[in-house]
C-alpha atoms as a PDB file:
ATOM      1  CA  MET A   1     -17.569  35.564 -15.168  1.00  0.00           C
ATOM      2  CA  ASN A   2     -14.167  37.040 -14.450  1.00  0.00           C
ATOM      3  CA  ARG A   3     -10.920  35.092 -14.723  1.00  0.00           C
ATOM      4  CA  ILE A   4     -10.454  34.564 -10.954  1.00  0.00           C
ATOM      5  CA  ALA A   5     -13.994  33.205 -10.571  1.00  0.00           C
ATOM      6  CA  MET A   6     -13.412  30.837 -13.512  1.00  0.00           C
ATOM      7  CA  LEU A   7     -10.176  29.544 -11.968  1.00  0.00           C
ATOM      8  CA  ALA A   8     -11.863  29.027  -8.584  1.00  0.00           C
ATOM      9  CA  THR A   9     -14.748  27.181 -10.224  1.00  0.00           C
ATOM     10  CA  GLY A  10     -12.313  24.990 -12.157  1.00  0.00           C
ATOM     11  CA  ALA A  11     -10.322  24.194  -9.026  1.00  0.00           C
ATOM     12  CA  ALA A  12     -13.501  23.260  -7.150  1.00  0.00           C
ATOM     13  CA  ALA A  13     -14.613  21.009 -10.011  1.00  0.00           C
ATOM     14  CA  LEU A  14     -11.207  19.319 -10.066  1.00  0.00           C
ATOM     15  CA  ALA A  15     -11.413  18.666  -6.317  1.00  0.00           C
ATOM     16  CA  VAL A  16     -14.834  17.045  -6.752  1.00  0.00           C
ATOM     17  CA  LEU A  17     -13.645  14.897  -9.659  1.00  0.00           C
ATOM     18  CA  THR A  18     -10.547  13.661  -7.851  1.00  0.00           C
ATOM     19  CA  GLY A  19     -12.520  12.543  -4.789  1.00  0.00           C
ATOM     20  CA  CYS A  20     -12.947  13.627  -1.234  1.00  0.00           C
ATOM     21  CA  GLN A  21      -9.755  12.115   0.218  1.00  0.00           C
ATOM     22  CA  THR A  22      -6.867  14.531   0.372  1.00  0.00           C
ATOM     23  CA  TRP A  23      -3.461  13.572   1.688  1.00  0.00           C
ATOM     24  CA  SER A  24      -1.192  16.009   3.383  1.00  0.00           C
ATOM     25  CA  PRO A  25       1.888  15.182   5.434  1.00  0.00           C
ATOM     26  CA  PRO A  26       2.274  13.161   7.437  1.00  0.00           C
ATOM     27  CA  TYR A  27       0.906  10.144   5.602  1.00  0.00           C
ATOM     28  CA  SER A  28       2.174   6.606   5.111  1.00  0.00           C
ATOM     29  CA  GLU A  29       2.138   4.053   2.312  1.00  0.00           C
ATOM     30  CA  ILE A  30       1.825   0.275   2.097  1.00  0.00           C
ATOM     31  CA  SER A  31       2.798  -1.942  -0.803  1.00  0.00           C
ATOM     32  CA  GLY A  32       2.550  -5.656  -1.535  1.00  0.00           C
ATOM     33  CA  SER A  33       5.433  -5.440  -4.013  1.00  0.00           C
ATOM     34  CA  ARG A  34       8.663  -7.286  -3.263  1.00  0.00           C
ATOM     35  CA  TYR A  35      11.560  -5.109  -2.256  1.00  0.00           C
ATOM     36  CA  THR A  36      14.187  -7.776  -1.606  1.00  0.00           C
ATOM     37  CA  ARG A  37      14.653 -10.463  -4.261  1.00  0.00           C
ATOM     38  CA  ALA A  38      17.239 -12.630  -2.461  1.00  0.00           C
ATOM     39  CA  ASN A  39      14.783 -14.803  -0.489  1.00  0.00           C
ATOM     40  CA  LEU A  40      13.378 -17.434  -2.863  1.00  0.00           C
ATOM     41  CA  ASP A  41      10.489 -18.301  -0.518  1.00  0.00           C
ATOM     42  CA  ARG A  42       9.207 -14.713  -0.276  1.00  0.00           C
ATOM     43  CA  PHE A  43       6.485 -13.509  -2.645  1.00  0.00           C
ATOM     44  CA  PRO A  44       4.485 -10.333  -3.233  1.00  0.00           C
ATOM     45  CA  THR A  45       0.988  -9.880  -1.844  1.00  0.00           C
ATOM     46  CA  PHE A  46      -2.237  -8.230  -2.902  1.00  0.00           C
ATOM     47  CA  ILE A  47      -3.606  -5.754  -0.381  1.00  0.00           C
ATOM     48  CA  ASN A  48      -7.326  -6.521  -0.296  1.00  0.00           C
ATOM     49  CA  ALA A  49      -8.473  -4.261   2.557  1.00  0.00           C
ATOM     50  CA  VAL A  50      -7.269  -1.906   5.270  1.00  0.00           C
ATOM     51  CA  ASP A  51      -9.372  -1.945   8.442  1.00  0.00           C
ATOM     52  CA  GLY A  52     -12.101  -3.861   6.595  1.00  0.00           C
ATOM     53  CA  ARG A  53     -12.416  -1.284   3.792  1.00  0.00           C
ATOM     54  CA  ASN A  54     -11.138  -0.984   0.253  1.00  0.00           C
ATOM     55  CA  PRO A  55      -7.611   0.465   0.468  1.00  0.00           C
ATOM     56  CA  GLY A  56      -8.458   3.155  -2.080  1.00  0.00           C
ATOM     57  CA  PRO A  57      -6.821   3.939  -5.390  1.00  0.00           C
ATOM     58  CA  ARG A  58      -3.571   2.177  -6.170  1.00  0.00           C
ATOM     59  CA  LEU A  59      -0.775   4.665  -6.764  1.00  0.00           C
ATOM     60  CA  GLY A  60       2.620   4.321  -8.413  1.00  0.00           C
ATOM     61  CA  TYR A  61       3.612   2.818 -11.723  1.00  0.00           C
ATOM     62  CA  GLY A  62       3.666  -0.812 -12.717  1.00  0.00           C
ATOM     63  CA  ARG A  63       3.285  -4.009 -10.792  1.00  0.00           C
ATOM     64  CA  ASP A  64       6.537  -3.584  -8.862  1.00  0.00           C
ATOM     65  CA  ALA A  65       5.991  -0.005  -7.741  1.00  0.00           C
ATOM     66  CA  SER A  66       2.353   0.268  -6.713  1.00  0.00           C
ATOM     67  CA  TYR A  67       1.244   1.307  -3.237  1.00  0.00           C
ATOM     68  CA  TYR A  68      -1.691   2.632  -1.212  1.00  0.00           C
ATOM     69  CA  ARG A  69      -1.726   5.683   1.043  1.00  0.00           C
ATOM     70  CA  VAL A  70      -2.884   5.200   4.623  1.00  0.00           C
ATOM     71  CA  ASP A  71      -2.999   7.299   7.756  1.00  0.00           C
ATOM     72  CA  PRO A  72      -0.255   6.569  10.304  1.00  0.00           C
ATOM     73  CA  GLY A  73      -1.303   4.360  13.219  1.00  0.00           C
ATOM     74  CA  ALA A  74      -2.481   0.811  13.859  1.00  0.00           C
ATOM     75  CA  HIS A  75      -4.218  -0.967  10.966  1.00  0.00           C
ATOM     76  CA  VAL A  76      -5.501  -4.450  10.172  1.00  0.00           C
ATOM     77  CA  ILE A  77      -4.413  -5.261   6.622  1.00  0.00           C
ATOM     78  CA  ALA A  78      -6.069  -8.106   4.685  1.00  0.00           C
ATOM     79  CA  LEU A  79      -3.530  -9.727   2.377  1.00  0.00           C
ATOM     80  CA  GLN A  80      -3.550 -12.367  -0.319  1.00  0.00           C
ATOM     81  CA  ALA A  81      -0.364 -14.168  -1.346  1.00  0.00           C
ATOM     82  CA  VAL A  82       0.502 -14.189  -5.017  1.00  0.00           C
ATOM     83  CA  ASN A  83       0.370 -17.659  -6.543  1.00  0.00           C
ATOM     84  CA  PRO A  84       3.891 -19.127  -6.243  1.00  0.00           C
ATOM     85  CA  THR A  85       3.223 -22.485  -7.915  1.00  0.00           C
ATOM     86  CA  PRO A  86       0.998 -24.073 -10.528  1.00  0.00           C
ATOM     87  CA  ASN A  87      -2.016 -25.980  -9.156  1.00  0.00           C
ATOM     88  CA  TRP A  88      -2.515 -23.349  -6.435  1.00  0.00           C
ATOM     89  CA  VAL A  89      -5.799 -23.798  -4.552  1.00  0.00           C
ATOM     90  CA  SER A  90      -7.551 -20.432  -4.407  1.00  0.00           C
ATOM     91  CA  GLY A  91      -8.968 -19.113  -1.150  1.00  0.00           C
ATOM     92  CA  ILE A  92      -6.310 -20.626   1.113  1.00  0.00           C
ATOM     93  CA  ASN A  93      -3.876 -17.802   0.651  1.00  0.00           C
ATOM     94  CA  ARG A  94      -5.601 -15.003   2.600  1.00  0.00           C
ATOM     95  CA  GLN A  95      -4.369 -13.653   5.923  1.00  0.00           C
ATOM     96  CA  GLU A  96      -4.560 -10.529   8.050  1.00  0.00           C
ATOM     97  CA  ALA A  97      -1.687  -8.599   9.569  1.00  0.00           C
ATOM     98  CA  THR A  98      -1.931  -5.979  12.297  1.00  0.00           C
ATOM     99  CA  LEU A  99       0.697  -3.278  11.858  1.00  0.00           C
ATOM    100  CA  THR A 100       1.481   0.004  13.524  1.00  0.00           C
ATOM    101  CA  ILE A 101       2.393   2.255  10.628  1.00  0.00           C
ATOM    102  CA  GLU A 102       4.759   5.159  11.304  1.00  0.00           C
ATOM    103  CA  PRO A 103       4.304   8.519   9.583  1.00  0.00           C
ATOM    104  CA  CYS A 104       6.182   9.183   6.335  1.00  0.00           C
ATOM    105  CA  LYS A 105       7.225   5.549   5.818  1.00  0.00           C
ATOM    106  CA  ARG A 106       6.469   3.099   2.991  1.00  0.00           C
ATOM    107  CA  TYR A 107       6.014  -0.517   4.105  1.00  0.00           C
ATOM    108  CA  TYR A 108       6.576  -3.480   1.757  1.00  0.00           C
ATOM    109  CA  ILE A 109       4.412  -6.333   3.092  1.00  0.00           C
ATOM    110  CA  ASN A 110       5.140  -9.758   1.605  1.00  0.00           C
ATOM    111  CA  ALA A 111       4.271 -13.435   2.024  1.00  0.00           C
ATOM    112  CA  GLN A 112       6.971 -15.605   3.596  1.00  0.00           C
ATOM    113  CA  PHE A 113       6.579 -19.331   2.841  1.00  0.00           C
ATOM    114  CA  ASP A 114       8.452 -22.023   4.770  1.00  0.00           C
ATOM    115  CA  ASN A 115       8.460 -23.966   1.521  1.00  0.00           C
ATOM    116  CA  ARG A 116       7.159 -22.644  -1.788  1.00  0.00           C
ATOM    117  CA  LEU A 117       5.454 -25.970  -2.519  1.00  0.00           C
ATOM    118  CA  LEU A 118       3.214 -25.678   0.546  1.00  0.00           C
ATOM    119  CA  ALA A 119       0.308 -23.281   1.069  1.00  0.00           C
ATOM    120  CA  ASP A 120       1.292 -22.096   4.574  1.00  0.00           C
ATOM    121  CA  TRP A 121       2.696 -18.583   4.743  1.00  0.00           C
ATOM    122  CA  LYS A 122       2.921 -15.653   7.094  1.00  0.00           C
ATOM    123  CA  PRO A 123       2.890 -11.915   6.392  1.00  0.00           C
ATOM    124  CA  VAL A 124       6.229 -10.148   6.867  1.00  0.00           C
ATOM    125  CA  VAL A 125       7.376  -6.582   6.481  1.00  0.00           C
ATOM    126  CA  ASP A 126      10.105  -6.996   3.871  1.00  0.00           C
ATOM    127  CA  TYR A 127      11.374  -3.419   3.997  1.00  0.00           C
ATOM    128  CA  VAL A 128      10.510   0.026   5.368  1.00  0.00           C
ATOM    129  CA  GLU A 129      11.748   3.170   3.638  1.00  0.00           C
ATOM    130  CA  PRO A 130      11.240   6.888   4.252  1.00  0.00           C
ATOM    131  CA  ILE A 131       8.962   8.806   1.875  1.00  0.00           C
ATOM    132  CA  ALA A 132      10.915  11.743   0.456  1.00  0.00           C
ATOM    133  CA  GLY A 133       9.312  15.127   1.061  1.00  0.00           C
ATOM    134  CA  CYS A 134       6.668  13.787   3.434  1.00  0.00           C
ATOM    135  CA  GLY A 135       7.809  15.252   6.757  1.00  0.00           C
ATOM    136  CA  ALA A 136       6.981  18.647   8.170  1.00  0.00           C
ATOM    137  CA  GLY A 137       8.239  21.455   5.989  1.00  0.00           C
ATOM    138  CA  GLY A 138       9.032  19.093   3.102  1.00  0.00           C
ATOM    139  CA  ALA A 139      11.839  17.272   4.926  1.00  0.00           C
ATOM    140  CA  THR A 140      12.195  13.540   4.508  1.00  0.00           C
ATOM    141  CA  GLY A 141      10.536  11.405   7.164  1.00  0.00           C
END
């Protein structure tokens, strides 16, 4: 087998091992991590599903920088609020949010509580930032 054939075979094997989903611009990202820390009644969320399916592999590093890639457009995102207090009753902290996601943007979706001692919360978009290098021709979006 010549060198070019070996490289092509290796590249094909790598593509199979990394999965079928490939992302090319434009794409978008969603994160449950907190962006703003000033609001004491705002907490991070877990992203459980996007459009009723597993959101895919979590990308980024660490708890405060992880995100999921999604296609731009309208999505129903299933969220779970992170436990803000001891004695939290599980199962009451799940909600869905319908968002229209713009291309080349990262959305930080958090839980906003009226009072951190109560279980009632609503999903909020804490911050939206452009994804560097995502736009056409490598420009920022």
